[in-house]
Amino acid sequence: SAIGGPTLGADPIVGALGVISHIKGVALKTFIVRKAAKKHG
């Protein structure tokens, strides 16, 4: 139900998976795991 991984290696793969899964009608969440939590936002 969800695919993601560590930044930076997973970042472009996750983006492509989001687009292709949408085109194919696959319900899929994507995510990126940062090395550390952001200090803002």
All heavy atoms as atom14 arrays in JSON, in Angstrom:
{
  "sequence": "SAIGGPTLGADPIVGALGVISHIKGVALKTFIVRKAAKKHG",
  "atom14_mask": [
    [1, 1, 1, 1, 1, 1, 0, 0, 0, 0, 0, 0, 0, 0],
    [1, 1, 1, 1, 1, 0, 0, 0, 0, 0, 0, 0, 0, 0],
    [1, 1, 1, 1, 1, 1, 1, 1, 0, 0, 0, 0, 0, 0],
    [1, 1, 1, 1, 0, 0, 0, 0, 0, 0, 0, 0, 0, 0],
    [1, 1, 1, 1, 0, 0, 0, 0, 0, 0, 0, 0, 0, 0],
    [1, 1, 1, 1, 1, 1, 1, 0, 0, 0, 0, 0, 0, 0],
    [1, 1, 1, 1, 1, 1, 1, 0, 0, 0, 0, 0, 0, 0],
    [1, 1, 1, 1, 1, 1, 1, 1, 0, 0, 0, 0, 0, 0],
    [1, 1, 1, 1, 0, 0, 0, 0, 0, 0, 0, 0, 0, 0],
    [1, 1, 1, 1, 1, 0, 0, 0, 0, 0, 0, 0, 0, 0],
    [1, 1, 1, 1, 1, 1, 1, 1, 0, 0, 0, 0, 0, 0],
    [1, 1, 1, 1, 1, 1, 1, 0, 0, 0, 0, 0, 0, 0],
    [1, 1, 1, 1, 1, 1, 1, 1, 0, 0, 0, 0, 0, 0],
    [1, 1, 1, 1, 1, 1, 1, 0, 0, 0, 0, 0, 0, 0],
    [1, 1, 1, 1, 0, 0, 0, 0, 0, 0, 0, 0, 0, 0],
    [1, 1, 1, 1, 1, 0, 0, 0, 0, 0, 0, 0, 0, 0],
    [1, 1, 1, 1, 1, 1, 1, 1, 0, 0, 0, 0, 0, 0],
    [1, 1, 1, 1, 0, 0, 0, 0, 0, 0, 0, 0, 0, 0],
    [1, 1, 1, 1, 1, 1, 1, 0, 0, 0, 0, 0, 0, 0],
    [1, 1, 1, 1, 1, 1, 1, 1, 0, 0, 0, 0, 0, 0],
    [1, 1, 1, 1, 1, 1, 0, 0, 0, 0, 0, 0, 0, 0],
    [1, 1, 1, 1, 1, 1, 1, 1, 1, 1, 0, 0, 0, 0],
    [1, 1, 1, 1, 1, 1, 1, 1, 0, 0, 0, 0, 0, 0],
    [1, 1, 1, 1, 1, 1, 1, 1, 1, 0, 0, 0, 0, 0],
    [1, 1, 1, 1, 0, 0, 0, 0, 0, 0, 0, 0, 0, 0],
    [1, 1, 1, 1, 1, 1, 1, 0, 0, 0, 0, 0, 0, 0],
    [1, 1, 1, 1, 1, 0, 0, 0, 0, 0, 0, 0, 0, 0],
    [1, 1, 1, 1, 1, 1, 1, 1, 0, 0, 0, 0, 0, 0],
    [1, 1, 1, 1, 1, 1, 1, 1, 1, 0, 0, 0, 0, 0],
    [1, 1, 1, 1, 1, 1, 1, 0, 0, 0, 0, 0, 0, 0],
    [1, 1, 1, 1, 1, 1, 1, 1, 1, 1, 1, 0, 0, 0],
    [1, 1, 1, 1, 1, 1, 1, 1, 0, 0, 0, 0, 0, 0],
    [1, 1, 1, 1, 1, 1, 1, 0, 0, 0, 0, 0, 0, 0],
    [1, 1, 1, 1, 1, 1, 1, 1, 1, 1, 1, 0, 0, 0],
    [1, 1, 1, 1, 1, 1, 1, 1, 1, 0, 0, 0, 0, 0],
    [1, 1, 1, 1, 1, 0, 0, 0, 0, 0, 0, 0, 0, 0],
    [1, 1, 1, 1, 1, 0, 0, 0, 0, 0, 0, 0, 0, 0],
    [1, 1, 1, 1, 1, 1, 1, 1, 1, 0, 0, 0, 0, 0],
    [1, 1, 1, 1, 1, 1, 1, 1, 1, 0, 0, 0, 0, 0],
    [1, 1, 1, 1, 1, 1, 1, 1, 1, 1, 0, 0, 0, 0],
    [1, 1, 1, 1, 0, 0, 0, 0, 0, 0, 0, 0, 0, 0]
  ],
  "atom14_positions": [
    [[0.81, -1.22, 0.0], [0.0, 0.0, 0.0], [0.84, 1.27, 0.0], [0.34, 2.35, -0.29], [-0.94, 0.01, 1.2], [-0.22, -0.13, 2.41], [0.0, 0.0, 0.0], [0.0, 0.0, 0.0], [0.0, 0.0, 0.0], [0.0, 0.0, 0.0], [0.0, 0.0, 0.0], [0.0, 0.0, 0.0], [0.0, 0.0, 0.0], [0.0, 0.0, 0.0]],
    [[2.15, 1.14, 0.31], [3.03, 2.32, 0.33], [4.45, 1.9, -0.03], [4.92, 0.86, 0.41], [3.01, 2.97, 1.7], [0.0, 0.0, 0.0], [0.0, 0.0, 0.0], [0.0, 0.0, 0.0], [0.0, 0.0, 0.0], [0.0, 0.0, 0.0], [0.0, 0.0, 0.0], [0.0, 0.0, 0.0], [0.0, 0.0, 0.0], [0.0, 0.0, 0.0]],
    [[5.08, 2.73, -0.85], [6.47, 2.47, -1.25], [7.27, 3.75, -1.04], [6.86, 4.83, -1.44], [6.57, 2.05, -2.73], [5.82, 0.74, -2.98], [8.04, 1.88, -3.13], [5.87, 0.26, -4.43], [0.0, 0.0, 0.0], [0.0, 0.0, 0.0], [0.0, 0.0, 0.0], [0.0, 0.0, 0.0], [0.0, 0.0, 0.0], [0.0, 0.0, 0.0]],
    [[8.42, 3.59, -0.42], [9.3, 4.72, -0.2], [10.64, 4.26, 0.29], [10.9, 3.06, 0.4], [0.0, 0.0, 0.0], [0.0, 0.0, 0.0], [0.0, 0.0, 0.0], [0.0, 0.0, 0.0], [0.0, 0.0, 0.0], [0.0, 0.0, 0.0], [0.0, 0.0, 0.0], [0.0, 0.0, 0.0], [0.0, 0.0, 0.0], [0.0, 0.0, 0.0]],
    [[11.5, 5.22, 0.57], [12.81, 4.83, 1.05], [13.64, 6.03, 1.42], [13.16, 7.17, 1.45], [0.0, 0.0, 0.0], [0.0, 0.0, 0.0], [0.0, 0.0, 0.0], [0.0, 0.0, 0.0], [0.0, 0.0, 0.0], [0.0, 0.0, 0.0], [0.0, 0.0, 0.0], [0.0, 0.0, 0.0], [0.0, 0.0, 0.0], [0.0, 0.0, 0.0]],
    [[14.91, 5.75, 1.7], [15.81, 6.8, 2.18], [16.17, 7.78, 1.07], [16.42, 7.4, -0.07], [17.05, 6.02, 2.64], [17.01, 4.74, 1.87], [15.57, 4.44, 1.64], [0.0, 0.0, 0.0], [0.0, 0.0, 0.0], [0.0, 0.0, 0.0], [0.0, 0.0, 0.0], [0.0, 0.0, 0.0], [0.0, 0.0, 0.0], [0.0, 0.0, 0.0]],
    [[16.17, 9.06, 1.45], [16.65, 10.07, 0.52], [18.16, 9.87, 0.37], [18.81, 9.47, 1.32], [16.28, 11.48, 1.04], [16.39, 12.41, 0.0], [17.09, 11.92, 2.2], [0.0, 0.0, 0.0], [0.0, 0.0, 0.0], [0.0, 0.0, 0.0], [0.0, 0.0, 0.0], [0.0, 0.0, 0.0], [0.0, 0.0, 0.0], [0.0, 0.0, 0.0]],
    [[18.72, 9.93, -0.64], [18.47, 10.48, -1.94], [18.23, 9.37, -2.97], [17.63, 9.63, -4.01], [19.67, 11.36, -2.33], [19.61, 12.08, -3.64], [18.62, 13.22, -3.64], [20.97, 12.59, -3.99], [0.0, 0.0, 0.0], [0.0, 0.0, 0.0], [0.0, 0.0, 0.0], [0.0, 0.0, 0.0], [0.0, 0.0, 0.0], [0.0, 0.0, 0.0]],
    [[18.68, 8.17, -2.67], [18.55, 7.08, -3.63], [17.13, 6.78, -4.04], [16.85, 6.49, -5.2], [0.0, 0.0, 0.0], [0.0, 0.0, 0.0], [0.0, 0.0, 0.0], [0.0, 0.0, 0.0], [0.0, 0.0, 0.0], [0.0, 0.0, 0.0], [0.0, 0.0, 0.0], [0.0, 0.0, 0.0], [0.0, 0.0, 0.0], [0.0, 0.0, 0.0]],
    [[16.2, 6.85, -3.1], [14.81, 6.51, -3.38], [14.03, 7.64, -4.04], [13.01, 7.39, -4.68], [14.1, 6.07, -2.1], [0.0, 0.0, 0.0], [0.0, 0.0, 0.0], [0.0, 0.0, 0.0], [0.0, 0.0, 0.0], [0.0, 0.0, 0.0], [0.0, 0.0, 0.0], [0.0, 0.0, 0.0], [0.0, 0.0, 0.0], [0.0, 0.0, 0.0]],
    [[14.48, 8.88, -3.9], [13.68, 10.03, -4.34], [13.17, 9.93, -5.78], [11.97, 10.02, -6.01], [14.46, 11.33, -4.16], [14.74, 11.67, -2.7], [14.48, 10.83, -1.81], [15.24, 12.78, -2.44], [0.0, 0.0, 0.0], [0.0, 0.0, 0.0], [0.0, 0.0, 0.0], [0.0, 0.0, 0.0], [0.0, 0.0, 0.0], [0.0, 0.0, 0.0]],
    [[14.04, 9.76, -6.78], [13.52, 9.71, -8.14], [12.68, 8.46, -8.41], [11.73, 8.51, -9.21], [14.76, 9.75, -9.02], [15.9, 9.38, -8.14], [15.5, 9.71, -6.75], [0.0, 0.0, 0.0], [0.0, 0.0, 0.0], [0.0, 0.0, 0.0], [0.0, 0.0, 0.0], [0.0, 0.0, 0.0], [0.0, 0.0, 0.0], [0.0, 0.0, 0.0]],
    [[12.99, 7.37, -7.75], [12.23, 6.13, -7.95], [10.81, 6.33, -7.42], [9.83, 5.95, -8.06], [12.9, 4.94, -7.23], [14.33, 4.74, -7.74], [12.07, 3.67, -7.42], [15.16, 3.77, -6.91], [0.0, 0.0, 0.0], [0.0, 0.0, 0.0], [0.0, 0.0, 0.0], [0.0, 0.0, 0.0], [0.0, 0.0, 0.0], [0.0, 0.0, 0.0]],
    [[10.69, 6.95, -6.25], [9.39, 7.22, -5.65], [8.55, 8.13, -6.55], [7.36, 7.88, -6.76], [9.58, 7.85, -4.24], [8.3, 8.44, -3.72], [10.11, 6.8, -3.28], [0.0, 0.0, 0.0], [0.0, 0.0, 0.0], [0.0, 0.0, 0.0], [0.0, 0.0, 0.0], [0.0, 0.0, 0.0], [0.0, 0.0, 0.0], [0.0, 0.0, 0.0]],
    [[9.17, 9.16, -7.1], [8.43, 10.05, -8.0], [7.9, 9.31, -9.21], [6.73, 9.46, -9.59], [0.0, 0.0, 0.0], [0.0, 0.0, 0.0], [0.0, 0.0, 0.0], [0.0, 0.0, 0.0], [0.0, 0.0, 0.0], [0.0, 0.0, 0.0], [0.0, 0.0, 0.0], [0.0, 0.0, 0.0], [0.0, 0.0, 0.0], [0.0, 0.0, 0.0]],
    [[8.74, 8.48, -9.82], [8.31, 7.71, -10.99], [7.22, 6.7, -10.62], [6.24, 6.53, -11.36], [9.51, 6.99, -11.6], [0.0, 0.0, 0.0], [0.0, 0.0, 0.0], [0.0, 0.0, 0.0], [0.0, 0.0, 0.0], [0.0, 0.0, 0.0], [0.0, 0.0, 0.0], [0.0, 0.0, 0.0], [0.0, 0.0, 0.0], [0.0, 0.0, 0.0]],
    [[7.36, 6.06, -9.46], [6.34, 5.1, -9.02], [5.0, 5.78, -8.81], [3.95, 5.21, -9.14], [6.78, 4.4, -7.73], [7.73, 3.25, -7.91], [8.42, 2.92, -6.59], [7.01, 2.04, -8.46], [0.0, 0.0, 0.0], [0.0, 0.0, 0.0], [0.0, 0.0, 0.0], [0.0, 0.0, 0.0], [0.0, 0.0, 0.0], [0.0, 0.0, 0.0]],
    [[5.01, 6.99, -8.25], [3.77, 7.72, -8.04], [3.05, 7.97, -9.34], [1.84, 7.74, -9.46], [0.0, 0.0, 0.0], [0.0, 0.0, 0.0], [0.0, 0.0, 0.0], [0.0, 0.0, 0.0], [0.0, 0.0, 0.0], [0.0, 0.0, 0.0], [0.0, 0.0, 0.0], [0.0, 0.0, 0.0], [0.0, 0.0, 0.0], [0.0, 0.0, 0.0]],
    [[3.78, 8.41, -10.35], [3.17, 8.71, -11.65], [2.68, 7.44, -12.34], [1.52, 7.35, -12.77], [4.18, 9.46, -12.57], [3.64, 9.58, -13.99], [4.5, 10.83, -12.0], [0.0, 0.0, 0.0], [0.0, 0.0, 0.0], [0.0, 0.0, 0.0], [0.0, 0.0, 0.0], [0.0, 0.0, 0.0], [0.0, 0.0, 0.0], [0.0, 0.0, 0.0]],
    [[3.53, 6.43, -12.43], [3.16, 5.2, -13.14], [2.02, 4.47, -12.42], [1.11, 3.96, -13.06], [4.38, 4.26, -13.32], [5.44, 4.94, -14.19], [3.97, 2.91, -13.91], [5.05, 5.24, -15.62], [0.0, 0.0, 0.0], [0.0, 0.0, 0.0], [0.0, 0.0, 0.0], [0.0, 0.0, 0.0], [0.0, 0.0, 0.0], [0.0, 0.0, 0.0]],
    [[2.04, 4.45, -11.09], [0.95, 3.79, -10.36], [-0.37, 4.52, -10.6], [-1.42, 3.88, -10.74], [1.26, 3.68, -8.87], [1.31, 4.95, -8.25], [0.0, 0.0, 0.0], [0.0, 0.0, 0.0], [0.0, 0.0, 0.0], [0.0, 0.0, 0.0], [0.0, 0.0, 0.0], [0.0, 0.0, 0.0], [0.0, 0.0, 0.0], [0.0, 0.0, 0.0]],
    [[-0.34, 5.84, -10.67], [-1.55, 6.61, -10.96], [-2.08, 6.29, -12.36], [-3.27, 6.05, -12.54], [-1.29, 8.11, -10.82], [-2.47, 8.94, -11.18], [-3.57, 9.06, -10.36], [-2.74, 9.67, -12.3], [-4.47, 9.85, -10.96], [-3.98, 10.23, -12.13], [0.0, 0.0, 0.0], [0.0, 0.0, 0.0], [0.0, 0.0, 0.0], [0.0, 0.0, 0.0]],
    [[-1.19, 6.28, -13.34], [-1.59, 5.96, -14.71], [-2.21, 4.57, -14.79], [-3.2, 4.36, -15.49], [-0.38, 6.08, -15.67], [0.02, 7.55, -15.83], [-0.68, 5.44, -17.03], [1.36, 7.76, -16.53], [0.0, 0.0, 0.0], [0.0, 0.0, 0.0], [0.0, 0.0, 0.0], [0.0, 0.0, 0.0], [0.0, 0.0, 0.0], [0.0, 0.0, 0.0]],
    [[-1.66, 3.63, -14.03], [-2.15, 2.24, -14.06], [-3.33, 2.01, -13.12], [-3.85, 0.9, -13.05], [-1.01, 1.27, -13.72], [0.06, 1.24, -14.79], [1.14, 0.23, -14.45], [2.15, 0.17, -15.55], [2.02, -0.99, -16.39], [0.0, 0.0, 0.0], [0.0, 0.0, 0.0], [0.0, 0.0, 0.0], [0.0, 0.0, 0.0], [0.0, 0.0, 0.0]],
    [[-3.74, 3.04, -12.4], [-4.88, 2.9, -11.5], [-4.59, 2.09, -10.25], [-5.49, 1.48, -9.67], [0.0, 0.0, 0.0], [0.0, 0.0, 0.0], [0.0, 0.0, 0.0], [0.0, 0.0, 0.0], [0.0, 0.0, 0.0], [0.0, 0.0, 0.0], [0.0, 0.0, 0.0], [0.0, 0.0, 0.0], [0.0, 0.0, 0.0], [0.0, 0.0, 0.0]],
    [[-3.34, 2.08, -9.82], [-2.93, 1.36, -8.62], [-2.93, 2.33, -7.45], [-2.27, 3.36, -7.49], [-1.52, 0.75, -8.8], [-1.06, 0.06, -7.53], [-1.48, -0.2, -9.99], [0.0, 0.0, 0.0], [0.0, 0.0, 0.0], [0.0, 0.0, 0.0], [0.0, 0.0, 0.0], [0.0, 0.0, 0.0], [0.0, 0.0, 0.0], [0.0, 0.0, 0.0]],
    [[-3.68, 1.99, -6.4], [-3.72, 2.84, -5.21], [-2.42, 2.63, -4.43], [-2.2, 1.58, -3.85], [-4.92, 2.49, -4.35], [0.0, 0.0, 0.0], [0.0, 0.0, 0.0], [0.0, 0.0, 0.0], [0.0, 0.0, 0.0], [0.0, 0.0, 0.0], [0.0, 0.0, 0.0], [0.0, 0.0, 0.0], [0.0, 0.0, 0.0], [0.0, 0.0, 0.0]],
    [[-1.56, 3.63, -4.46], [-0.26, 3.49, -3.85], [0.18, 4.82, -3.25], [0.16, 5.84, -3.92], [0.75, 3.06, -4.92], [2.18, 2.8, -4.49], [2.26, 1.59, -3.57], [3.05, 2.57, -5.73], [0.0, 0.0, 0.0], [0.0, 0.0, 0.0], [0.0, 0.0, 0.0], [0.0, 0.0, 0.0], [0.0, 0.0, 0.0], [0.0, 0.0, 0.0]],
    [[0.55, 4.79, -1.98], [1.14, 5.97, -1.35], [2.65, 5.89, -1.53], [3.22, 4.79, -1.52], [0.82, 6.01, 0.15], [-0.63, 6.27, 0.47], [-0.78, 6.53, 1.96], [-1.38, 5.33, 2.62], [-1.65, 5.53, 4.04], [0.0, 0.0, 0.0], [0.0, 0.0, 0.0], [0.0, 0.0, 0.0], [0.0, 0.0, 0.0], [0.0, 0.0, 0.0]],
    [[3.29, 7.03, -1.68], [4.74, 7.06, -1.76], [5.27, 8.0, -0.68], [4.57, 8.91, -0.24], [5.22, 7.52, -3.16], [4.67, 8.8, -3.44], [4.82, 6.52, -4.22], [0.0, 0.0, 0.0], [0.0, 0.0, 0.0], [0.0, 0.0, 0.0], [0.0, 0.0, 0.0], [0.0, 0.0, 0.0], [0.0, 0.0, 0.0], [0.0, 0.0, 0.0]],
    [[6.51, 7.76, -0.26], [7.09, 8.56, 0.8], [8.61, 8.56, 0.7], [9.2, 7.72, 0.03], [6.65, 8.04, 2.18], [7.13, 6.64, 2.47], [8.33, 6.42, 3.15], [6.38, 5.54, 2.08], [8.77, 5.14, 3.42], [6.82, 4.25, 2.34], [8.02, 4.05, 3.02], [0.0, 0.0, 0.0], [0.0, 0.0, 0.0], [0.0, 0.0, 0.0]],
    [[9.21, 9.52, 1.36], [10.67, 9.65, 1.45], [11.02, 9.73, 2.94], [10.35, 10.41, 3.71], [11.15, 10.94, 0.76], [10.85, 10.9, -0.74], [12.63, 11.18, 1.01], [11.62, 9.86, -1.51], [0.0, 0.0, 0.0], [0.0, 0.0, 0.0], [0.0, 0.0, 0.0], [0.0, 0.0, 0.0], [0.0, 0.0, 0.0], [0.0, 0.0, 0.0]],
    [[12.1, 9.06, 3.32], [12.58, 9.12, 4.7], [13.85, 9.97, 4.72], [14.85, 9.61, 4.1], [12.86, 7.72, 5.27], [13.36, 7.82, 6.72], [11.63, 6.83, 5.18], [0.0, 0.0, 0.0], [0.0, 0.0, 0.0], [0.0, 0.0, 0.0], [0.0, 0.0, 0.0], [0.0, 0.0, 0.0], [0.0, 0.0, 0.0], [0.0, 0.0, 0.0]],
    [[13.76, 11.11, 5.42], [14.92, 11.99, 5.57], [15.9, 11.38, 6.58], [15.5, 10.6, 7.45], [14.48, 13.35, 6.11], [13.63, 14.15, 5.18], [13.18, 15.44, 5.93], [12.43, 16.3, 5.06], [12.98, 17.21, 4.26], [14.29, 17.36, 4.24], [12.23, 17.97, 3.49], [0.0, 0.0, 0.0], [0.0, 0.0, 0.0], [0.0, 0.0, 0.0]],
    [[17.16, 11.81, 6.5], [18.16, 11.37, 7.48], [17.83, 11.89, 8.87], [18.09, 11.23, 9.86], [19.55, 11.81, 7.05], [20.02, 11.13, 5.77], [21.44, 11.51, 5.42], [21.88, 10.99, 4.08], [21.69, 9.59, 3.83], [0.0, 0.0, 0.0], [0.0, 0.0, 0.0], [0.0, 0.0, 0.0], [0.0, 0.0, 0.0], [0.0, 0.0, 0.0]],
    [[17.23, 13.06, 8.93], [16.81, 13.67, 10.2], [15.57, 14.51, 9.94], [15.34, 14.96, 8.82], [17.93, 14.54, 10.77], [0.0, 0.0, 0.0], [0.0, 0.0, 0.0], [0.0, 0.0, 0.0], [0.0, 0.0, 0.0], [0.0, 0.0, 0.0], [0.0, 0.0, 0.0], [0.0, 0.0, 0.0], [0.0, 0.0, 0.0], [0.0, 0.0, 0.0]],
    [[14.79, 14.71, 10.99], [13.58, 15.52, 10.85], [13.95, 16.96, 10.5], [14.98, 17.47, 10.94], [12.78, 15.5, 12.16], [0.0, 0.0, 0.0], [0.0, 0.0, 0.0], [0.0, 0.0, 0.0], [0.0, 0.0, 0.0], [0.0, 0.0, 0.0], [0.0, 0.0, 0.0], [0.0, 0.0, 0.0], [0.0, 0.0, 0.0], [0.0, 0.0, 0.0]],
    [[13.1, 17.59, 9.7], [13.32, 19.0, 9.36], [13.24, 19.83, 10.63], [12.49, 19.51, 11.56], [12.25, 19.49, 8.38], [12.43, 18.98, 6.99], [11.46, 19.51, 5.95], [10.35, 20.38, 6.37], [9.48, 20.81, 5.29], [0.0, 0.0, 0.0], [0.0, 0.0, 0.0], [0.0, 0.0, 0.0], [0.0, 0.0, 0.0], [0.0, 0.0, 0.0]],
    [[13.96, 20.92, 10.66], [13.96, 21.82, 11.83], [12.9, 22.91, 11.69], [12.74, 23.72, 12.58], [15.34, 22.47, 11.99], [16.47, 21.48, 12.15], [16.43, 20.83, 13.49], [17.65, 19.94, 13.65], [17.42, 18.79, 14.48], [0.0, 0.0, 0.0], [0.0, 0.0, 0.0], [0.0, 0.0, 0.0], [0.0, 0.0, 0.0], [0.0, 0.0, 0.0]],
    [[12.18, 22.93, 10.58], [11.17, 23.96, 10.34], [9.91, 23.31, 9.75], [9.87, 22.11, 9.53], [11.73, 25.02, 9.39], [12.15, 24.47, 8.07], [13.34, 23.79, 7.91], [11.54, 24.45, 6.87], [13.44, 23.4, 6.65], [12.37, 23.77, 6.0], [0.0, 0.0, 0.0], [0.0, 0.0, 0.0], [0.0, 0.0, 0.0], [0.0, 0.0, 0.0]],
    [[8.9, 24.11, 9.51], [7.67, 23.61, 8.91], [7.02, 22.54, 9.79], [6.89, 22.7, 11.0], [0.0, 0.0, 0.0], [0.0, 0.0, 0.0], [0.0, 0.0, 0.0], [0.0, 0.0, 0.0], [0.0, 0.0, 0.0], [0.0, 0.0, 0.0], [0.0, 0.0, 0.0], [0.0, 0.0, 0.0], [0.0, 0.0, 0.0], [0.0, 0.0, 0.0]]
  ]
}
